[in-house]
Amino acid sequence: MDAVRDRPEHPFTTTELAALARVSARRLQESFRAHVGTTPMGYVRDIRLERVRDELRAAEPGGGLTVSEVAWRWGFTHLGRFAASYRDRFGEAPSQTLQARPPAR
């Protein structure tokens, strides 16, 4: 989990994560399901989605940043699946997050 949080943009595989954890891929999958409630790759996706959301929220209004650019940077290559996952997780489209204005201070 630390490796994913430290380098979420890295193209991890279950096999690579298992090697880092010094367990078999099957054991890693079983442990993630039991203790985290998702698969190792589901966890990677969730961390990446959080990073995308953070970046979209921090973007300067009218700064030219696009949702596609951010999604690609965080390893999402199928934009339709990315947008669906984002909406499922956060309840809004990524474009809505990008267009939202931060509260005035």
PDB file of N, CA and C in Angstrom:
ATOM      1  N   MET A   1       0.833  -1.184   0.000  1.00  0.00           N
ATOM      2  CA  MET A   1       0.000   0.000   0.000  1.00  0.00           C
ATOM      3  C   MET A   1       0.878   1.249   0.000  1.00  0.00           C
ATOM      4  N   ASP A   2       1.980   1.202   0.741  1.00  0.00           N
ATOM      5  CA  ASP A   2       2.885   2.353   0.765  1.00  0.00           C
ATOM      6  C   ASP A   2       3.462   2.633  -0.619  1.00  0.00           C
ATOM      7  N   ALA A   3       3.826   1.579  -1.336  1.00  0.00           N
ATOM      8  CA  ALA A   3       4.392   1.758  -2.675  1.00  0.00           C
ATOM      9  C   ALA A   3       3.392   2.452  -3.589  1.00  0.00           C
ATOM     10  N   VAL A   4       2.136   2.070  -3.499  1.00  0.00           N
ATOM     11  CA  VAL A   4       1.101   2.675  -4.344  1.00  0.00           C
ATOM     12  C   VAL A   4       0.891   4.129  -3.963  1.00  0.00           C
ATOM     13  N   ARG A   5       0.836   4.422  -2.674  1.00  0.00           N
ATOM     14  CA  ARG A   5       0.652   5.813  -2.246  1.00  0.00           C
ATOM     15  C   ARG A   5       1.851   6.673  -2.614  1.00  0.00           C
ATOM     16  N   ASP A   6       3.053   6.082  -2.577  1.00  0.00           N
ATOM     17  CA  ASP A   6       4.264   6.836  -2.906  1.00  0.00           C
ATOM     18  C   ASP A   6       4.426   7.087  -4.398  1.00  0.00           C
ATOM     19  N   ARG A   7       3.971   6.143  -5.226  1.00  0.00           N
ATOM     20  CA  ARG A   7       4.149   6.254  -6.681  1.00  0.00           C
ATOM     21  C   ARG A   7       2.901   5.793  -7.425  1.00  0.00           C
ATOM     22  N   PRO A   8       1.779   6.456  -7.233  1.00  0.00           N
ATOM     23  CA  PRO A   8       0.547   5.983  -7.864  1.00  0.00           C
ATOM     24  C   PRO A   8       0.565   6.044  -9.390  1.00  0.00           C
ATOM     25  N   GLU A   9       1.443   6.855  -9.953  1.00  0.00           N
ATOM     26  CA  GLU A   9       1.508   6.959 -11.411  1.00  0.00           C
ATOM     27  C   GLU A   9       2.226   5.767 -12.039  1.00  0.00           C
ATOM     28  N   HIS A  10       2.937   4.988 -11.241  1.00  0.00           N
ATOM     29  CA  HIS A  10       3.682   3.824 -11.732  1.00  0.00           C
ATOM     30  C   HIS A  10       2.706   2.767 -12.245  1.00  0.00           C
ATOM     31  N   PRO A  11       3.022   2.122 -13.356  1.00  0.00           N
ATOM     32  CA  PRO A  11       2.115   1.103 -13.902  1.00  0.00           C
ATOM     33  C   PRO A  11       2.232  -0.238 -13.156  1.00  0.00           C
ATOM     34  N   PHE A  12       1.791  -0.257 -11.919  1.00  0.00           N
ATOM     35  CA  PHE A  12       1.879  -1.464 -11.098  1.00  0.00           C
ATOM     36  C   PHE A  12       1.069  -2.602 -11.691  1.00  0.00           C
ATOM     37  N   THR A  13       1.525  -3.812 -11.406  1.00  0.00           N
ATOM     38  CA  THR A  13       0.758  -5.026 -11.674  1.00  0.00           C
ATOM     39  C   THR A  13       0.592  -5.746 -10.336  1.00  0.00           C
ATOM     40  N   THR A  14      -0.344  -6.648 -10.285  1.00  0.00           N
ATOM     41  CA  THR A  14      -0.527  -7.430  -9.064  1.00  0.00           C
ATOM     42  C   THR A  14       0.734  -8.219  -8.744  1.00  0.00           C
ATOM     43  N   THR A  15       1.362  -8.760  -9.752  1.00  0.00           N
ATOM     44  CA  THR A  15       2.590  -9.535  -9.554  1.00  0.00           C
ATOM     45  C   THR A  15       3.691  -8.662  -8.952  1.00  0.00           C
ATOM     46  N   GLU A  16       3.839  -7.454  -9.457  1.00  0.00           N
ATOM     47  CA  GLU A  16       4.867  -6.548  -8.931  1.00  0.00           C
ATOM     48  C   GLU A  16       4.568  -6.170  -7.483  1.00  0.00           C
ATOM     49  N   LEU A  17       3.304  -5.875  -7.185  1.00  0.00           N
ATOM     50  CA  LEU A  17       2.934  -5.532  -5.813  1.00  0.00           C
ATOM     51  C   LEU A  17       3.156  -6.712  -4.874  1.00  0.00           C
ATOM     52  N   ALA A  18       2.860  -7.913  -5.343  1.00  0.00           N
ATOM     53  CA  ALA A  18       3.085  -9.105  -4.522  1.00  0.00           C
ATOM     54  C   ALA A  18       4.575  -9.279  -4.231  1.00  0.00           C
ATOM     55  N   ALA A  19       5.407  -9.058  -5.231  1.00  0.00           N
ATOM     56  CA  ALA A  19       6.853  -9.169  -5.019  1.00  0.00           C
ATOM     57  C   ALA A  19       7.335  -8.133  -4.006  1.00  0.00           C
ATOM     58  N   LEU A  20       6.815  -6.918  -4.093  1.00  0.00           N
ATOM     59  CA  LEU A  20       7.190  -5.883  -3.127  1.00  0.00           C
ATOM     60  C   LEU A  20       6.765  -6.264  -1.706  1.00  0.00           C
ATOM     61  N   ALA A  21       5.629  -6.930  -1.593  1.00  0.00           N
ATOM     62  CA  ALA A  21       5.112  -7.337  -0.286  1.00  0.00           C
ATOM     63  C   ALA A  21       5.691  -8.684   0.169  1.00  0.00           C
ATOM     64  N   ARG A  22       6.422  -9.328  -0.723  1.00  0.00           N
ATOM     65  CA  ARG A  22       7.034 -10.629  -0.445  1.00  0.00           C
ATOM     66  C   ARG A  22       5.994 -11.706  -0.117  1.00  0.00           C
ATOM     67  N   VAL A  23       4.928 -11.698  -0.916  1.00  0.00           N
ATOM     68  CA  VAL A  23       3.888 -12.722  -0.818  1.00  0.00           C
ATOM     69  C   VAL A  23       3.506 -13.136  -2.229  1.00  0.00           C
ATOM     70  N   SER A  24       2.733 -14.199  -2.342  1.00  0.00           N
ATOM     71  CA  SER A  24       2.253 -14.610  -3.662  1.00  0.00           C
ATOM     72  C   SER A  24       1.150 -13.657  -4.117  1.00  0.00           C
ATOM     73  N   ALA A  25       0.922 -13.631  -5.410  1.00  0.00           N
ATOM     74  CA  ALA A  25      -0.136 -12.778  -5.952  1.00  0.00           C
ATOM     75  C   ALA A  25      -1.489 -13.180  -5.364  1.00  0.00           C
ATOM     76  N   ARG A  26      -1.717 -14.459  -5.219  1.00  0.00           N
ATOM     77  CA  ARG A  26      -2.984 -14.934  -4.645  1.00  0.00           C
ATOM     78  C   ARG A  26      -3.137 -14.456  -3.201  1.00  0.00           C
ATOM     79  N   ARG A  27      -2.091 -14.554  -2.426  1.00  0.00           N
ATOM     80  CA  ARG A  27      -2.140 -14.111  -1.025  1.00  0.00           C
ATOM     81  C   ARG A  27      -2.378 -12.600  -0.950  1.00  0.00           C
ATOM     82  N   LEU A  28      -1.739 -11.851  -1.827  1.00  0.00           N
ATOM     83  CA  LEU A  28      -1.949 -10.406  -1.856  1.00  0.00           C
ATOM     84  C   LEU A  28      -3.409 -10.091  -2.156  1.00  0.00           C
ATOM     85  N   GLN A  29      -3.975 -10.748  -3.142  1.00  0.00           N
ATOM     86  CA  GLN A  29      -5.374 -10.518  -3.496  1.00  0.00           C
ATOM     87  C   GLN A  29      -6.310 -10.883  -2.344  1.00  0.00           C
ATOM     88  N   GLU A  30      -6.069 -12.008  -1.716  1.00  0.00           N
ATOM     89  CA  GLU A  30      -6.896 -12.430  -0.579  1.00  0.00           C
ATOM     90  C   GLU A  30      -6.794 -11.435   0.572  1.00  0.00           C
ATOM     91  N   SER A  31      -5.588 -10.976   0.848  1.00  0.00           N
ATOM     92  CA  SER A  31      -5.379 -10.032   1.948  1.00  0.00           C
ATOM     93  C   SER A  31      -6.034  -8.687   1.662  1.00  0.00           C
ATOM     94  N   PHE A  32      -5.928  -8.214   0.445  1.00  0.00           N
ATOM     95  CA  PHE A  32      -6.581  -6.948   0.092  1.00  0.00           C
ATOM     96  C   PHE A  32      -8.092  -7.064   0.250  1.00  0.00           C
ATOM     97  N   ARG A  33      -8.656  -8.150  -0.236  1.00  0.00           N
ATOM     98  CA  ARG A  33     -10.110  -8.323  -0.107  1.00  0.00           C
ATOM     99  C   ARG A  33     -10.534  -8.373   1.360  1.00  0.00           C
ATOM    100  N   ALA A  34      -9.753  -9.064   2.179  1.00  0.00           N
ATOM    101  CA  ALA A  34     -10.113  -9.225   3.591  1.00  0.00           C
ATOM    102  C   ALA A  34      -9.906  -7.953   4.405  1.00  0.00           C
ATOM    103  N   HIS A  35      -8.835  -7.226   4.133  1.00  0.00           N
ATOM    104  CA  HIS A  35      -8.457  -6.102   4.996  1.00  0.00           C
ATOM    105  C   HIS A  35      -8.751  -4.720   4.416  1.00  0.00           C
ATOM    106  N   VAL A  36      -8.814  -4.627   3.103  1.00  0.00           N
ATOM    107  CA  VAL A  36      -9.031  -3.328   2.467  1.00  0.00           C
ATOM    108  C   VAL A  36     -10.405  -3.276   1.785  1.00  0.00           C
ATOM    109  N   GLY A  37     -10.944  -4.443   1.461  1.00  0.00           N
ATOM    110  CA  GLY A  37     -12.260  -4.489   0.844  1.00  0.00           C
ATOM    111  C   GLY A  37     -12.253  -4.293  -0.658  1.00  0.00           C
ATOM    112  N   THR A  38     -11.104  -4.440  -1.269  1.00  0.00           N
ATOM    113  CA  THR A  38     -10.993  -4.309  -2.715  1.00  0.00           C
ATOM    114  C   THR A  38      -9.809  -5.148  -3.183  1.00  0.00           C
ATOM    115  N   THR A  39      -9.577  -5.156  -4.473  1.00  0.00           N
ATOM    116  CA  THR A  39      -8.432  -5.864  -5.040  1.00  0.00           C
ATOM    117  C   THR A  39      -7.215  -4.937  -5.030  1.00  0.00           C
ATOM    118  N   PRO A  40      -6.022  -5.494  -5.201  1.00  0.00           N
ATOM    119  CA  PRO A  40      -4.848  -4.614  -5.288  1.00  0.00           C
ATOM    120  C   PRO A  40      -4.975  -3.577  -6.400  1.00  0.00           C
ATOM    121  N   MET A  41      -5.458  -3.984  -7.565  1.00  0.00           N
ATOM    122  CA  MET A  41      -5.582  -3.038  -8.666  1.00  0.00           C
ATOM    123  C   MET A  41      -6.735  -2.066  -8.429  1.00  0.00           C
ATOM    124  N   GLY A  42      -7.753  -2.484  -7.723  1.00  0.00           N
ATOM    125  CA  GLY A  42      -8.814  -1.567  -7.322  1.00  0.00           C
ATOM    126  C   GLY A  42      -8.270  -0.491  -6.397  1.00  0.00           C
ATOM    127  N   TYR A  43      -7.365  -0.886  -5.510  1.00  0.00           N
ATOM    128  CA  TYR A  43      -6.731   0.075  -4.618  1.00  0.00           C
ATOM    129  C   TYR A  43      -5.886   1.078  -5.407  1.00  0.00           C
ATOM    130  N   VAL A  44      -5.119   0.577  -6.369  1.00  0.00           N
ATOM    131  CA  VAL A  44      -4.321   1.460  -7.229  1.00  0.00           C
ATOM    132  C   VAL A  44      -5.236   2.460  -7.927  1.00  0.00           C
ATOM    133  N   ARG A  45      -6.341   1.976  -8.492  1.00  0.00           N
ATOM    134  CA  ARG A  45      -7.287   2.857  -9.178  1.00  0.00           C
ATOM    135  C   ARG A  45      -7.849   3.911  -8.225  1.00  0.00           C
ATOM    136  N   ASP A  46      -8.209   3.503  -7.020  1.00  0.00           N
ATOM    137  CA  ASP A  46      -8.772   4.449  -6.055  1.00  0.00           C
ATOM    138  C   ASP A  46      -7.780   5.545  -5.680  1.00  0.00           C
ATOM    139  N   ILE A  47      -6.530   5.177  -5.468  1.00  0.00           N
ATOM    140  CA  ILE A  47      -5.500   6.173  -5.135  1.00  0.00           C
ATOM    141  C   ILE A  47      -5.303   7.123  -6.311  1.00  0.00           C
ATOM    142  N   ARG A  48      -5.269   6.572  -7.516  1.00  0.00           N
ATOM    143  CA  ARG A  48      -5.108   7.421  -8.700  1.00  0.00           C
ATOM    144  C   ARG A  48      -6.288   8.373  -8.868  1.00  0.00           C
ATOM    145  N   LEU A  49      -7.502   7.880  -8.634  1.00  0.00           N
ATOM    146  CA  LEU A  49      -8.676   8.748  -8.730  1.00  0.00           C
ATOM    147  C   LEU A  49      -8.589   9.897  -7.725  1.00  0.00           C
ATOM    148  N   GLU A  50      -8.119   9.611  -6.521  1.00  0.00           N
ATOM    149  CA  GLU A  50      -7.952  10.671  -5.524  1.00  0.00           C
ATOM    150  C   GLU A  50      -6.941  11.710  -6.001  1.00  0.00           C
ATOM    151  N   ARG A  51      -5.852  11.257  -6.608  1.00  0.00           N
ATOM    152  CA  ARG A  51      -4.840  12.189  -7.101  1.00  0.00           C
ATOM    153  C   ARG A  51      -5.381  13.033  -8.248  1.00  0.00           C
ATOM    154  N   VAL A  52      -6.153  12.420  -9.133  1.00  0.00           N
ATOM    155  CA  VAL A  52      -6.781  13.174 -10.219  1.00  0.00           C
ATOM    156  C   VAL A  52      -7.685  14.250  -9.635  1.00  0.00           C
ATOM    157  N   ARG A  53      -8.512  13.874  -8.677  1.00  0.00           N
ATOM    158  CA  ARG A  53      -9.436  14.836  -8.063  1.00  0.00           C
ATOM    159  C   ARG A  53      -8.672  15.988  -7.408  1.00  0.00           C
ATOM    160  N   ASP A  54      -7.603  15.667  -6.691  1.00  0.00           N
ATOM    161  CA  ASP A  54      -6.780  16.713  -6.065  1.00  0.00           C
ATOM    162  C   ASP A  54      -6.234  17.683  -7.109  1.00  0.00           C
ATOM    163  N   GLU A  55      -5.747  17.132  -8.217  1.00  0.00           N
ATOM    164  CA  GLU A  55      -5.175  17.984  -9.267  1.00  0.00           C
ATOM    165  C   GLU A  55      -6.244  18.835  -9.942  1.00  0.00           C
ATOM    166  N   LEU A  56      -7.408  18.244 -10.206  1.00  0.00           N
ATOM    167  CA  LEU A  56      -8.486  19.013 -10.837  1.00  0.00           C
ATOM    168  C   LEU A  56      -8.968  20.128  -9.916  1.00  0.00           C
ATOM    169  N   ARG A  57      -9.057  19.839  -8.642  1.00  0.00           N
ATOM    170  CA  ARG A  57      -9.493  20.859  -7.679  1.00  0.00           C
ATOM    171  C   ARG A  57      -8.481  21.995  -7.551  1.00  0.00           C
ATOM    172  N   ALA A  58      -7.214  21.685  -7.697  1.00  0.00           N
ATOM    173  CA  ALA A  58      -6.162  22.688  -7.525  1.00  0.00           C
ATOM    174  C   ALA A  58      -5.898  23.501  -8.792  1.00  0.00           C
ATOM    175  N   ALA A  59      -6.501  23.115  -9.902  1.00  0.00           N
ATOM    176  CA  ALA A  59      -6.237  23.778 -11.185  1.00  0.00           C
ATOM    177  C   ALA A  59      -6.723  25.225 -11.165  1.00  0.00           C
ATOM    178  N   GLU A  60      -5.959  26.067 -11.823  1.00  0.00           N
ATOM    179  CA  GLU A  60      -6.334  27.470 -11.986  1.00  0.00           C
ATOM    180  C   GLU A  60      -7.503  27.561 -12.957  1.00  0.00           C
ATOM    181  N   PRO A  61      -8.566  28.271 -12.590  1.00  0.00           N
ATOM    182  CA  PRO A  61      -9.676  28.444 -13.528  1.00  0.00           C
ATOM    183  C   PRO A  61      -9.186  29.086 -14.833  1.00  0.00           C
ATOM    184  N   GLY A  62      -9.559  28.490 -15.940  1.00  0.00           N
ATOM    185  CA  GLY A  62      -9.152  29.026 -17.239  1.00  0.00           C
ATOM    186  C   GLY A  62      -7.684  28.811 -17.555  1.00  0.00           C
ATOM    187  N   GLY A  63      -7.013  27.959 -16.794  1.00  0.00           N
ATOM    188  CA  GLY A  63      -5.582  27.738 -16.986  1.00  0.00           C
ATOM    189  C   GLY A  63      -5.226  26.809 -18.121  1.00  0.00           C
ATOM    190  N   GLY A  64      -6.212  26.253 -18.794  1.00  0.00           N
ATOM    191  CA  GLY A  64      -5.949  25.407 -19.949  1.00  0.00           C
ATOM    192  C   GLY A  64      -5.755  23.937 -19.624  1.00  0.00           C
ATOM    193  N   LEU A  65      -5.779  23.560 -18.370  1.00  0.00           N
ATOM    194  CA  LEU A  65      -5.645  22.157 -18.004  1.00  0.00           C
ATOM    195  C   LEU A  65      -6.889  21.403 -18.452  1.00  0.00           C
ATOM    196  N   THR A  66      -6.704  20.198 -19.002  1.00  0.00           N
ATOM    197  CA  THR A  66      -7.841  19.399 -19.433  1.00  0.00           C
ATOM    198  C   THR A  66      -7.964  18.139 -18.580  1.00  0.00           C
ATOM    199  N   VAL A  67      -9.168  17.631 -18.494  1.00  0.00           N
ATOM    200  CA  VAL A  67      -9.416  16.385 -17.770  1.00  0.00           C
ATOM    201  C   VAL A  67      -8.612  15.259 -18.408  1.00  0.00           C
ATOM    202  N   SER A  68      -8.594  15.205 -19.724  1.00  0.00           N
ATOM    203  CA  SER A  68      -7.853  14.149 -20.430  1.00  0.00           C
ATOM    204  C   SER A  68      -6.381  14.161 -20.061  1.00  0.00           C
ATOM    205  N   GLU A  69      -5.793  15.341 -20.027  1.00  0.00           N
ATOM    206  CA  GLU A  69      -4.381  15.477 -19.681  1.00  0.00           C
ATOM    207  C   GLU A  69      -4.109  14.918 -18.285  1.00  0.00           C
ATOM    208  N   VAL A  70      -4.942  15.257 -17.338  1.00  0.00           N
ATOM    209  CA  VAL A  70      -4.759  14.787 -15.968  1.00  0.00           C
ATOM    210  C   VAL A  70      -4.988  13.282 -15.887  1.00  0.00           C
ATOM    211  N   ALA A  71      -6.018  12.789 -16.535  1.00  0.00           N
ATOM    212  CA  ALA A  71      -6.312  11.353 -16.518  1.00  0.00           C
ATOM    213  C   ALA A  71      -5.138  10.551 -17.085  1.00  0.00           C
ATOM    214  N   TRP A  72      -4.608  10.974 -18.201  1.00  0.00           N
ATOM    215  CA  TRP A  72      -3.470  10.282 -18.813  1.00  0.00           C
ATOM    216  C   TRP A  72      -2.259  10.296 -17.887  1.00  0.00           C
ATOM    217  N   ARG A  73      -2.014  11.435 -17.255  1.00  0.00           N
ATOM    218  CA  ARG A  73      -0.861  11.566 -16.356  1.00  0.00           C
ATOM    219  C   ARG A  73      -0.921  10.548 -15.213  1.00  0.00           C
ATOM    220  N   TRP A  74      -2.135  10.241 -14.767  1.00  0.00           N
ATOM    221  CA  TRP A  74      -2.295   9.311 -13.651  1.00  0.00           C
ATOM    222  C   TRP A  74      -2.586   7.883 -14.100  1.00  0.00           C
ATOM    223  N   GLY A  75      -2.365   7.594 -15.378  1.00  0.00           N
ATOM    224  CA  GLY A  75      -2.415   6.216 -15.848  1.00  0.00           C
ATOM    225  C   GLY A  75      -3.756   5.735 -16.357  1.00  0.00           C
ATOM    226  N   PHE A  76      -4.713   6.626 -16.569  1.00  0.00           N
ATOM    227  CA  PHE A  76      -6.012   6.228 -17.102  1.00  0.00           C
ATOM    228  C   PHE A  76      -5.967   6.380 -18.616  1.00  0.00           C
ATOM    229  N   THR A  77      -5.987   5.257 -19.321  1.00  0.00           N
ATOM    230  CA  THR A  77      -5.848   5.298 -20.778  1.00  0.00           C
ATOM    231  C   THR A  77      -7.184   5.195 -21.507  1.00  0.00           C
ATOM    232  N   HIS A  78      -8.201   4.716 -20.847  1.00  0.00           N
ATOM    233  CA  HIS A  78      -9.526   4.638 -21.457  1.00  0.00           C
ATOM    234  C   HIS A  78     -10.394   5.693 -20.785  1.00  0.00           C
ATOM    235  N   LEU A  79     -10.589   6.811 -21.468  1.00  0.00           N
ATOM    236  CA  LEU A  79     -11.235   7.961 -20.839  1.00  0.00           C
ATOM    237  C   LEU A  79     -12.694   7.709 -20.478  1.00  0.00           C
ATOM    238  N   GLY A  80     -13.387   6.874 -21.225  1.00  0.00           N
ATOM    239  CA  GLY A  80     -14.770   6.547 -20.895  1.00  0.00           C
ATOM    240  C   GLY A  80     -14.869   5.789 -19.575  1.00  0.00           C
ATOM    241  N   ARG A  81     -14.017   4.798 -19.405  1.00  0.00           N
ATOM    242  CA  ARG A  81     -14.006   4.035 -18.142  1.00  0.00           C
ATOM    243  C   ARG A  81     -13.541   4.918 -16.997  1.00  0.00           C
ATOM    244  N   PHE A  82     -12.559   5.772 -17.273  1.00  0.00           N
ATOM    245  CA  PHE A  82     -12.086   6.705 -16.246  1.00  0.00           C
ATOM    246  C   PHE A  82     -13.236   7.592 -15.768  1.00  0.00           C
ATOM    247  N   ALA A  83     -13.948   8.205 -16.690  1.00  0.00           N
ATOM    248  CA  ALA A  83     -15.035   9.118 -16.331  1.00  0.00           C
ATOM    249  C   ALA A  83     -16.122   8.399 -15.540  1.00  0.00           C
ATOM    250  N   ALA A  84     -16.439   7.164 -15.927  1.00  0.00           N
ATOM    251  CA  ALA A  84     -17.452   6.390 -15.201  1.00  0.00           C
ATOM    252  C   ALA A  84     -16.977   6.065 -13.790  1.00  0.00           C
ATOM    253  N   SER A  85     -15.725   5.663 -13.654  1.00  0.00           N
ATOM    254  CA  SER A  85     -15.173   5.367 -12.328  1.00  0.00           C
ATOM    255  C   SER A  85     -15.143   6.610 -11.459  1.00  0.00           C
ATOM    256  N   TYR A  86     -14.782   7.732 -12.043  1.00  0.00           N
ATOM    257  CA  TYR A  86     -14.719   8.997 -11.312  1.00  0.00           C
ATOM    258  C   TYR A  86     -16.108   9.390 -10.813  1.00  0.00           C
ATOM    259  N   ARG A  87     -17.089   9.301 -11.685  1.00  0.00           N
ATOM    260  CA  ARG A  87     -18.462   9.652 -11.310  1.00  0.00           C
ATOM    261  C   ARG A  87     -18.979   8.719 -10.214  1.00  0.00           C
ATOM    262  N   ASP A  88     -18.691   7.429 -10.342  1.00  0.00           N
ATOM    263  CA  ASP A  88     -19.117   6.471  -9.317  1.00  0.00           C
ATOM    264  C   ASP A  88     -18.487   6.800  -7.964  1.00  0.00           C
ATOM    265  N   ARG A  89     -17.234   7.184  -7.989  1.00  0.00           N
ATOM    266  CA  ARG A  89     -16.499   7.442  -6.745  1.00  0.00           C
ATOM    267  C   ARG A  89     -16.867   8.776  -6.102  1.00  0.00           C
ATOM    268  N   PHE A  90     -17.005   9.836  -6.912  1.00  0.00           N
ATOM    269  CA  PHE A  90     -17.163  11.180  -6.359  1.00  0.00           C
ATOM    270  C   PHE A  90     -18.532  11.814  -6.607  1.00  0.00           C
ATOM    271  N   GLY A  91     -19.375  11.160  -7.396  1.00  0.00           N
ATOM    272  CA  GLY A  91     -20.718  11.669  -7.610  1.00  0.00           C
ATOM    273  C   GLY A  91     -20.822  12.838  -8.564  1.00  0.00           C
ATOM    274  N   GLU A  92     -19.783  13.086  -9.320  1.00  0.00           N
ATOM    275  CA  GLU A  92     -19.811  14.140 -10.335  1.00  0.00           C
ATOM    276  C   GLU A  92     -18.814  13.795 -11.424  1.00  0.00           C
ATOM    277  N   ALA A  93     -18.995  14.402 -12.580  1.00  0.00           N
ATOM    278  CA  ALA A  93     -18.062  14.196 -13.689  1.00  0.00           C
ATOM    279  C   ALA A  93     -16.752  14.925 -13.379  1.00  0.00           C
ATOM    280  N   PRO A  94     -15.640  14.427 -13.889  1.00  0.00           N
ATOM    281  CA  PRO A  94     -14.370  15.116 -13.659  1.00  0.00           C
ATOM    282  C   PRO A  94     -14.387  16.553 -14.194  1.00  0.00           C
ATOM    283  N   SER A  95     -15.108  16.791 -15.267  1.00  0.00           N
ATOM    284  CA  SER A  95     -15.190  18.152 -15.805  1.00  0.00           C
ATOM    285  C   SER A  95     -15.885  19.091 -14.831  1.00  0.00           C
ATOM    286  N   GLN A  96     -16.840  18.569 -14.058  1.00  0.00           N
ATOM    287  CA  GLN A  96     -17.501  19.394 -13.048  1.00  0.00           C
ATOM    288  C   GLN A  96     -16.521  19.782 -11.939  1.00  0.00           C
ATOM    289  N   THR A  97     -15.667  18.856 -11.552  1.00  0.00           N
ATOM    290  CA  THR A  97     -14.653  19.158 -10.538  1.00  0.00           C
ATOM    291  C   THR A  97     -13.708  20.232 -11.055  1.00  0.00           C
ATOM    292  N   LEU A  98     -13.283  20.085 -12.297  1.00  0.00           N
ATOM    293  CA  LEU A  98     -12.360  21.052 -12.885  1.00  0.00           C
ATOM    294  C   LEU A  98     -12.978  22.443 -12.970  1.00  0.00           C
ATOM    295  N   GLN A  99     -14.263  22.520 -13.264  1.00  0.00           N
ATOM    296  CA  GLN A  99     -14.922  23.806 -13.435  1.00  0.00           C
ATOM    297  C   GLN A  99     -15.342  24.449 -12.117  1.00  0.00           C
ATOM    298  N   ALA A 100     -15.376  23.657 -11.056  1.00  0.00           N
ATOM    299  CA  ALA A 100     -15.817  24.190  -9.758  1.00  0.00           C
ATOM    300  C   ALA A 100     -14.818  25.223  -9.253  1.00  0.00           C
ATOM    301  N   ARG A 101     -15.339  26.267  -8.703  1.00  0.00           N
ATOM    302  CA  ARG A 101     -14.494  27.322  -8.130  1.00  0.00           C
ATOM    303  C   ARG A 101     -14.252  27.024  -6.655  1.00  0.00           C
ATOM    304  N   PRO A 102     -13.023  27.187  -6.203  1.00  0.00           N
ATOM    305  CA  PRO A 102     -12.773  26.997  -4.778  1.00  0.00           C
ATOM    306  C   PRO A 102     -13.480  28.083  -3.972  1.00  0.00           C
ATOM    307  N   PRO A 103     -13.865  27.778  -2.734  1.00  0.00           N
ATOM    308  CA  PRO A 103     -14.558  28.789  -1.921  1.00  0.00           C
ATOM    309  C   PRO A 103     -13.667  30.008  -1.664  1.00  0.00           C
ATOM    310  N   ALA A 104     -14.299  31.191  -1.615  1.00  0.00           N
ATOM    311  CA  ALA A 104     -13.548  32.421  -1.344  1.00  0.00           C
ATOM    312  C   ALA A 104     -13.048  32.414   0.078  1.00  0.00           C
ATOM    313  N   ARG A 105     -11.894  33.021   0.288  1.00  0.00           N
ATOM    314  CA  ARG A 105     -11.300  33.054   1.626  1.00  0.00           C
ATOM    315  C   ARG A 105     -11.523  34.375   2.278  1.00  0.00           C
TER     316      ARG A 105
END
